Amino acid sequence: MSNSADPAESLLVRAATGRPGPRPPVWFMRQAGRSLPEYRALRVGTSMLESCRTPDLITEITLQPVRRHKVDAAIFFSDIVVPLAAIGVGIDIVPGVGPVVEKPIRETADLDQLRALDADDVPYVTEAIGNLVGELGGTPLIGFAGAPFTLASYLVEGGPSKDHARTKSLMHGRPELWHGLCARLAVIAREFLRVQVDAGASAIQLFDSWAGALSLADYEEFVLPHSQAVLEPLAGLVPRIHFGVGTGELLAAMRCAGADVVGVDWRVPLDEAARRLGPGVIVQGNLDPALLQAEWPVIDRAVRRVVEQGRAADGHIFNLGHGVPPSTDPDVLTRIVELVHSTPS
């Protein structure tokens, strides 16, 4: 971590704005916590949501992987449901399950619980980012939020879902309710990102974790306008990254949402993703997280392949194709960072 350099000239921000440096920057989704023993020790006796509301914990957990792995960016420690809880939605993160909603969205009247969010609702975010910017110096901090579709799915299903059946049923059967729900969530997500940018985040990422459950036609009709409502008003502030899982068929549409960088999961090689996305694209990804359990020679080859494929785009940020599995050996992540750092763009 540098205490003097400018994050705007960091490898990550340069790559995300079409000014690539001598090598790809590298960071990992879910690097803040999960696989680190120091994270698990720090979290003992503290719930996930409480951890996300405690500035000292947020700061320390965000910094841990930067210290250990020497990654090129920090990702703010939080959760996509934090802004929902902050405006009074009855939601909790149940260990081993995920977000569970007290009163799922079923009727138009249920939307009343979704008021707009402002900085006063999340003072711990502003405080923690202020602390982090001072600690990180030239290392950029990435803020993030959950995209309207993914947040809507949790609110409609009442928790995690494998088939998103209630979500799709409401989307098609009651489109006015669906669009009303997503319009409110877009405002919440956008303002949560804006709070992070105003506090000092150098980039932002919009996670649409479950968008890959949709057809392209459904994505374009029911999701894209609301993702645009999040990302487009933030244009020009900081680089915007957009990521979803299983979204190979949606990549070009996701680019239309307004991102500067499109995250690609492990299912589509980056050179093919660049072809689908079109000229001038910057990609992020996309080592298969499952390979972190493999022997080092396998990982070495896979990392080099991702870097090589990333050269097909106008810029490349090295990452996994999804988040770090909790069982990952932290030393493997450190070795991957060292390997990427030694590999030219």
Protein backbone atom coordinates (compact mmCIF):
# COMPACT_ATOMS: atom_id res chain seq x y z
CA MET A 1 0.00 0.00 0.00
CA SER A 2 1.35 3.37 -1.02
CA ASN A 3 0.57 6.44 1.07
CA SER A 4 1.59 8.96 -1.58
CA ALA A 5 0.60 7.79 -5.06
CA ASP A 6 -2.63 8.84 -6.75
CA PRO A 7 -5.26 6.06 -7.11
CA ALA A 8 -6.38 7.72 -10.36
CA GLU A 9 -3.02 6.69 -11.84
CA SER A 10 -3.16 3.15 -10.44
CA LEU A 11 -2.99 0.17 -12.75
CA LEU A 12 -6.66 -0.62 -12.06
CA VAL A 13 -8.03 2.82 -12.86
CA ARG A 14 -5.75 3.15 -15.88
CA ALA A 15 -6.88 -0.21 -17.25
CA ALA A 16 -10.55 0.59 -16.57
CA THR A 17 -10.28 3.87 -18.47
CA GLY A 18 -8.53 2.48 -21.52
CA ARG A 19 -4.99 3.43 -20.50
CA PRO A 20 -3.45 0.01 -19.78
CA GLY A 21 -0.11 -0.20 -18.05
CA PRO A 22 2.75 -2.70 -18.31
CA ARG A 23 0.70 -5.58 -16.83
CA PRO A 24 -2.90 -6.32 -15.93
CA PRO A 25 -4.02 -5.19 -12.49
CA VAL A 26 -5.34 -8.00 -10.31
CA TRP A 27 -7.89 -8.22 -7.53
CA PHE A 28 -10.36 -10.91 -6.47
CA MET A 29 -14.09 -10.78 -5.90
CA ARG A 30 -14.81 -11.75 -2.30
CA GLN A 31 -11.16 -11.19 -1.41
CA ALA A 32 -12.24 -9.25 1.68
CA GLY A 33 -12.69 -12.12 4.11
CA ARG A 34 -13.96 -15.61 3.32
CA SER A 35 -10.69 -17.50 2.87
CA LEU A 36 -8.55 -15.55 5.35
CA PRO A 37 -8.02 -16.94 8.87
CA GLU A 38 -7.47 -13.41 10.19
CA TYR A 39 -10.92 -12.50 8.84
CA ARG A 40 -12.60 -15.46 10.53
CA ALA A 41 -10.88 -14.60 13.82
CA LEU A 42 -12.06 -11.00 13.58
CA ARG A 43 -15.66 -11.99 12.83
CA VAL A 44 -16.13 -14.30 15.83
CA GLY A 45 -19.31 -13.29 17.69
CA THR A 46 -20.34 -10.63 15.16
CA SER A 47 -23.11 -11.09 12.62
CA MET A 48 -22.52 -10.27 8.97
CA LEU A 49 -24.81 -7.25 8.95
CA GLU A 50 -23.34 -5.93 12.18
CA SER A 51 -19.85 -6.32 10.72
CA CYS A 52 -20.99 -4.28 7.70
CA ARG A 53 -22.14 -1.48 10.03
CA THR A 54 -18.97 -1.22 12.12
CA PRO A 55 -16.40 1.16 10.57
CA ASP A 56 -13.36 -0.33 12.33
CA LEU A 57 -14.30 -3.85 11.22
CA ILE A 58 -15.07 -2.73 7.67
CA THR A 59 -11.70 -0.99 7.48
CA GLU A 60 -9.66 -3.88 8.83
CA ILE A 61 -11.42 -6.56 6.76
CA THR A 62 -11.06 -4.50 3.58
CA LEU A 63 -7.33 -4.02 4.22
CA GLN A 64 -6.49 -7.63 5.12
CA PRO A 65 -6.22 -9.05 1.58
CA VAL A 66 -4.34 -5.97 0.35
CA ARG A 67 -1.71 -6.51 3.02
CA ARG A 68 -1.51 -10.26 2.52
CA HIS A 69 -1.81 -10.65 -1.25
CA LYS A 70 -0.53 -7.26 -2.51
CA VAL A 71 -3.51 -7.01 -4.87
CA ASP A 72 -3.88 -3.89 -7.00
CA ALA A 73 -7.23 -2.83 -5.54
CA ALA A 74 -9.25 -3.15 -2.36
CA ILE A 75 -12.93 -4.08 -2.51
CA PHE A 76 -15.09 -2.43 0.14
CA PHE A 77 -16.30 -4.93 2.72
CA SER A 78 -20.09 -4.87 2.71
CA ASP A 79 -23.02 -6.86 1.33
CA ILE A 80 -25.53 -6.15 -1.41
CA VAL A 81 -28.43 -6.13 1.10
CA VAL A 82 -26.83 -3.51 3.38
CA PRO A 83 -28.69 -0.57 1.76
CA LEU A 84 -31.99 -2.45 2.02
CA ALA A 85 -31.48 -3.06 5.73
CA ALA A 86 -30.41 0.57 6.13
CA ILE A 87 -33.78 1.87 4.90
CA GLY A 88 -35.69 -0.46 7.22
CA VAL A 89 -36.41 -3.52 5.08
CA GLY A 90 -36.71 -6.60 7.28
CA ILE A 91 -33.80 -8.64 5.98
CA ASP A 92 -31.05 -10.68 7.59
CA ILE A 93 -28.06 -12.66 6.36
CA VAL A 94 -28.46 -16.15 7.78
CA PRO A 95 -25.20 -18.16 8.03
CA GLY A 96 -25.20 -21.02 5.55
CA VAL A 97 -28.32 -19.69 3.82
CA GLY A 98 -27.85 -16.09 2.69
CA PRO A 99 -30.23 -13.13 2.74
CA VAL A 100 -33.67 -13.95 4.16
CA VAL A 101 -36.50 -11.43 3.78
CA GLU A 102 -39.08 -10.98 6.52
CA LYS A 103 -41.88 -9.77 4.20
CA PRO A 104 -41.37 -10.74 0.55
CA ILE A 105 -42.75 -8.48 -2.19
CA ARG A 106 -46.13 -9.77 -3.34
CA GLU A 107 -48.32 -6.70 -3.92
CA THR A 108 -47.90 -3.08 -4.97
CA ALA A 109 -48.43 -1.96 -1.38
CA ASP A 110 -45.30 -3.92 -0.41
CA LEU A 111 -43.21 -1.40 -2.34
CA ASP A 112 -43.83 1.18 0.38
CA GLN A 113 -40.98 -0.35 2.39
CA LEU A 114 -38.54 0.72 -0.34
CA ARG A 115 -37.92 4.40 0.29
CA ALA A 116 -34.97 6.28 -1.19
CA LEU A 117 -31.57 6.01 0.49
CA ASP A 118 -29.18 8.83 1.33
CA ALA A 119 -25.81 9.18 3.04
CA ASP A 120 -27.40 9.67 6.48
CA ASP A 121 -28.75 6.10 6.30
CA VAL A 122 -25.24 4.63 6.00
CA PRO A 123 -22.87 6.86 8.01
CA TYR A 124 -20.66 3.84 8.70
CA VAL A 125 -19.96 3.56 4.97
CA THR A 126 -18.77 7.15 4.71
CA GLU A 127 -16.65 6.82 7.85
CA ALA A 128 -15.06 3.53 6.82
CA ILE A 129 -14.21 4.74 3.31
CA GLY A 130 -12.64 7.87 4.77
CA ASN A 131 -10.47 5.65 6.95
CA LEU A 132 -9.62 3.36 4.03
CA VAL A 133 -8.65 6.11 1.61
CA GLY A 134 -6.14 7.36 4.16
CA GLU A 135 -4.73 3.87 4.72
CA LEU A 136 -4.66 2.75 1.10
CA GLY A 137 -2.90 5.76 -0.38
CA GLY A 138 -2.32 4.95 -4.05
CA THR A 139 -4.20 1.64 -3.94
CA PRO A 140 -7.70 2.20 -5.32
CA LEU A 141 -10.82 1.25 -3.39
CA ILE A 142 -13.70 -0.36 -5.30
CA GLY A 143 -17.19 0.34 -4.01
CA PHE A 144 -20.10 -1.89 -5.00
CA ALA A 145 -23.82 -2.48 -4.98
CA GLY A 146 -26.26 -5.18 -5.98
CA ALA A 147 -28.08 -4.63 -9.26
CA PRO A 148 -31.87 -4.16 -9.28
CA PHE A 149 -32.62 -7.61 -10.70
CA THR A 150 -30.58 -9.50 -8.13
CA LEU A 151 -31.97 -7.44 -5.24
CA ALA A 152 -35.49 -7.88 -6.62
CA SER A 153 -35.03 -11.63 -6.81
CA TYR A 154 -34.16 -11.82 -3.12
CA LEU A 155 -37.11 -9.60 -2.22
CA VAL A 156 -39.59 -11.56 -4.32
CA GLU A 157 -38.35 -15.05 -3.50
CA GLY A 158 -37.84 -14.24 0.17
CA GLY A 159 -34.28 -15.58 0.02
CA PRO A 160 -31.90 -17.40 -2.31
CA SER A 161 -33.46 -19.36 -5.17
CA LYS A 162 -32.17 -21.89 -7.67
CA ASP A 163 -34.81 -21.34 -10.35
CA HIS A 164 -36.11 -17.81 -9.60
CA ALA A 165 -39.61 -19.10 -10.35
CA ARG A 166 -41.50 -16.50 -8.29
CA THR A 167 -39.34 -13.75 -9.75
CA LYS A 168 -40.00 -14.76 -13.36
CA SER A 169 -43.67 -15.31 -12.67
CA LEU A 170 -44.08 -11.82 -11.21
CA MET A 171 -41.94 -10.30 -13.98
CA HIS A 172 -44.17 -11.68 -16.73
CA GLY A 173 -47.48 -11.81 -14.92
CA ARG A 174 -47.39 -8.43 -13.23
CA PRO A 175 -44.96 -6.29 -15.25
CA GLU A 176 -46.13 -3.00 -13.72
CA LEU A 177 -45.34 -4.26 -10.22
CA TRP A 178 -42.01 -5.64 -11.46
CA HIS A 179 -40.93 -2.37 -13.08
CA GLY A 180 -42.11 -0.41 -10.04
CA LEU A 181 -40.01 -2.63 -7.80
CA CYS A 182 -36.89 -2.41 -9.96
CA ALA A 183 -37.23 1.35 -10.41
CA ARG A 184 -37.10 1.82 -6.65
CA LEU A 185 -34.19 -0.58 -6.30
CA ALA A 186 -32.30 1.27 -9.03
CA VAL A 187 -32.54 4.49 -7.03
CA ILE A 188 -31.35 2.73 -3.88
CA ALA A 189 -28.42 1.02 -5.63
CA ARG A 190 -27.40 4.19 -7.47
CA GLU A 191 -27.38 6.28 -4.31
CA PHE A 192 -25.50 3.59 -2.38
CA LEU A 193 -22.82 3.73 -5.07
CA ARG A 194 -22.86 7.53 -5.05
CA VAL A 195 -22.28 7.59 -1.29
CA GLN A 196 -19.21 5.40 -1.80
CA VAL A 197 -17.89 7.57 -4.63
CA ASP A 198 -18.48 10.77 -2.67
CA ALA A 199 -16.59 9.25 0.27
CA GLY A 200 -13.57 8.46 -1.91
CA ALA A 201 -14.02 5.16 -3.79
CA SER A 202 -11.92 5.12 -6.98
CA ALA A 203 -14.13 2.67 -8.91
CA ILE A 204 -17.47 0.91 -8.48
CA GLN A 205 -18.85 -2.49 -9.40
CA LEU A 206 -22.49 -3.39 -9.94
CA PHE A 207 -23.11 -7.06 -9.16
CA ASP A 208 -26.00 -8.71 -11.01
CA SER A 209 -25.29 -12.14 -9.58
CA TRP A 210 -28.46 -13.85 -10.82
CA ALA A 211 -28.95 -12.19 -14.23
CA GLY A 212 -27.65 -15.31 -15.95
CA ALA A 213 -30.96 -17.02 -15.11
CA LEU A 214 -32.64 -14.91 -17.81
CA SER A 215 -32.97 -15.09 -21.57
CA LEU A 216 -31.60 -12.21 -23.58
CA ALA A 217 -35.11 -11.03 -24.45
CA ASP A 218 -36.17 -10.99 -20.80
CA TYR A 219 -32.95 -9.24 -19.78
CA GLU A 220 -33.43 -6.49 -22.36
CA GLU A 221 -37.08 -5.91 -21.42
CA PHE A 222 -37.13 -6.38 -17.67
CA VAL A 223 -33.60 -5.70 -16.42
CA LEU A 224 -31.50 -3.57 -18.75
CA PRO A 225 -33.44 -0.30 -18.28
CA HIS A 226 -33.05 -0.52 -14.52
CA SER A 227 -29.33 -1.32 -14.63
CA GLN A 228 -28.96 1.67 -16.95
CA ALA A 229 -30.77 3.79 -14.36
CA VAL A 230 -28.07 2.83 -11.86
CA LEU A 231 -24.98 3.19 -14.00
CA GLU A 232 -25.63 5.95 -16.52
CA PRO A 233 -26.07 8.80 -14.00
CA LEU A 234 -22.67 7.89 -12.52
CA ALA A 235 -20.85 8.27 -15.84
CA GLY A 236 -17.63 10.24 -15.62
CA LEU A 237 -17.28 10.04 -11.84
CA VAL A 238 -15.19 6.87 -11.53
CA PRO A 239 -14.83 3.72 -13.67
CA ARG A 240 -17.93 1.50 -13.58
CA ILE A 241 -17.62 -2.30 -13.66
CA HIS A 242 -20.63 -4.53 -14.32
CA PHE A 243 -20.57 -8.25 -13.50
CA GLY A 244 -22.96 -11.17 -13.54
CA VAL A 245 -22.69 -14.95 -13.32
CA GLY A 246 -23.68 -17.10 -16.29
CA THR A 247 -24.15 -14.03 -18.47
CA GLY A 248 -22.27 -15.14 -21.60
CA GLU A 249 -25.39 -14.68 -23.74
CA LEU A 250 -26.04 -11.27 -22.16
CA LEU A 251 -22.61 -9.66 -22.43
CA ALA A 252 -23.35 -7.21 -25.23
CA ALA A 253 -26.58 -6.14 -23.55
CA MET A 254 -24.80 -5.71 -20.22
CA ARG A 255 -22.31 -3.40 -21.91
CA CYS A 256 -25.28 -1.28 -22.98
CA ALA A 257 -26.16 -0.77 -19.32
CA GLY A 258 -23.40 1.81 -19.15
CA ALA A 259 -20.38 0.07 -17.70
CA ASP A 260 -16.80 0.99 -18.59
CA VAL A 261 -15.67 -2.56 -17.80
CA VAL A 262 -17.62 -5.78 -18.27
CA GLY A 263 -16.88 -8.64 -15.89
CA VAL A 264 -16.87 -12.09 -17.49
CA ASP A 265 -17.37 -15.34 -15.61
CA TRP A 266 -15.30 -18.46 -16.31
CA ARG A 267 -17.66 -19.95 -18.90
CA VAL A 268 -16.60 -17.68 -21.77
CA PRO A 269 -12.92 -17.16 -22.70
CA LEU A 270 -11.94 -13.51 -22.58
CA ASP A 271 -10.99 -13.35 -26.25
CA GLU A 272 -14.45 -14.66 -27.18
CA ALA A 273 -16.03 -12.26 -24.69
CA ALA A 274 -14.16 -9.37 -26.32
CA ARG A 275 -15.52 -10.48 -29.71
CA ARG A 276 -19.09 -10.59 -28.39
CA LEU A 277 -18.75 -7.24 -26.66
CA GLY A 278 -17.36 -5.40 -29.68
CA PRO A 279 -14.62 -2.82 -30.25
CA GLY A 280 -13.17 -0.74 -27.46
CA VAL A 281 -14.14 -3.12 -24.68
CA ILE A 282 -12.37 -3.54 -21.35
CA VAL A 283 -12.90 -6.89 -19.67
CA GLN A 284 -12.47 -8.22 -16.15
CA GLY A 285 -11.92 -11.86 -15.23
CA ASN A 286 -11.95 -14.75 -15.44
CA LEU A 287 -10.06 -17.61 -13.78
CA ASP A 288 -12.42 -20.43 -12.76
CA PRO A 289 -12.58 -20.31 -8.92
CA ALA A 290 -12.72 -24.12 -8.82
CA LEU A 291 -9.16 -24.25 -10.15
CA LEU A 292 -7.91 -22.68 -6.93
CA GLN A 293 -8.13 -26.19 -5.46
CA ALA A 294 -5.86 -27.65 -8.17
CA GLU A 295 -2.12 -28.30 -8.15
CA TRP A 296 0.01 -25.24 -8.85
CA PRO A 297 1.08 -26.23 -12.41
CA VAL A 298 -2.61 -26.35 -13.39
CA ILE A 299 -3.24 -22.93 -11.86
CA ASP A 300 -0.09 -21.51 -13.47
CA ARG A 301 -1.21 -22.58 -16.95
CA ALA A 302 -4.75 -21.30 -16.39
CA VAL A 303 -3.58 -17.89 -15.14
CA ARG A 304 -1.26 -17.45 -18.12
CA ARG A 305 -4.07 -18.45 -20.47
CA VAL A 306 -6.42 -15.85 -18.97
CA VAL A 307 -3.77 -13.13 -19.32
CA GLU A 308 -3.14 -14.14 -22.93
CA GLN A 309 -6.85 -14.16 -23.79
CA GLY A 310 -7.29 -10.80 -22.09
CA ARG A 311 -4.94 -9.24 -24.63
CA ALA A 312 -7.76 -9.47 -27.19
CA ALA A 313 -9.55 -6.63 -25.40
CA ASP A 314 -8.52 -2.97 -25.17
CA GLY A 315 -7.94 -3.45 -21.47
CA HIS A 316 -7.95 -6.31 -18.98
CA ILE A 317 -8.34 -6.49 -15.20
CA PHE A 318 -7.40 -9.93 -13.92
CA ASN A 319 -9.91 -11.49 -11.54
CA LEU A 320 -11.72 -14.73 -10.89
CA GLY A 321 -14.84 -15.67 -12.83
CA HIS A 322 -16.76 -15.37 -9.53
CA GLY A 323 -15.86 -15.02 -5.86
CA VAL A 324 -13.11 -16.63 -3.80
CA PRO A 325 -14.39 -19.93 -2.34
CA PRO A 326 -14.07 -19.98 1.49
CA SER A 327 -11.93 -23.16 1.35
CA THR A 328 -9.21 -21.50 -0.76
CA ASP A 329 -5.64 -21.62 0.54
CA PRO A 330 -4.72 -17.92 0.87
CA ASP A 331 -1.16 -18.68 -0.25
CA VAL A 332 -2.54 -19.72 -3.65
CA LEU A 333 -4.07 -16.27 -4.12
CA THR A 334 -0.77 -14.65 -3.18
CA ARG A 335 1.06 -16.76 -5.74
CA ILE A 336 -1.48 -15.86 -8.43
CA VAL A 337 -0.97 -12.16 -7.73
CA GLU A 338 2.81 -12.62 -8.00
CA LEU A 339 2.39 -14.50 -11.27
CA VAL A 340 0.14 -11.87 -12.82
CA HIS A 341 2.51 -9.16 -11.62
CA SER A 342 5.33 -10.90 -13.49
CA THR A 343 3.33 -11.34 -16.72
CA PRO A 344 3.25 -8.43 -19.22
CA SER A 345 -0.04 -7.24 -20.70
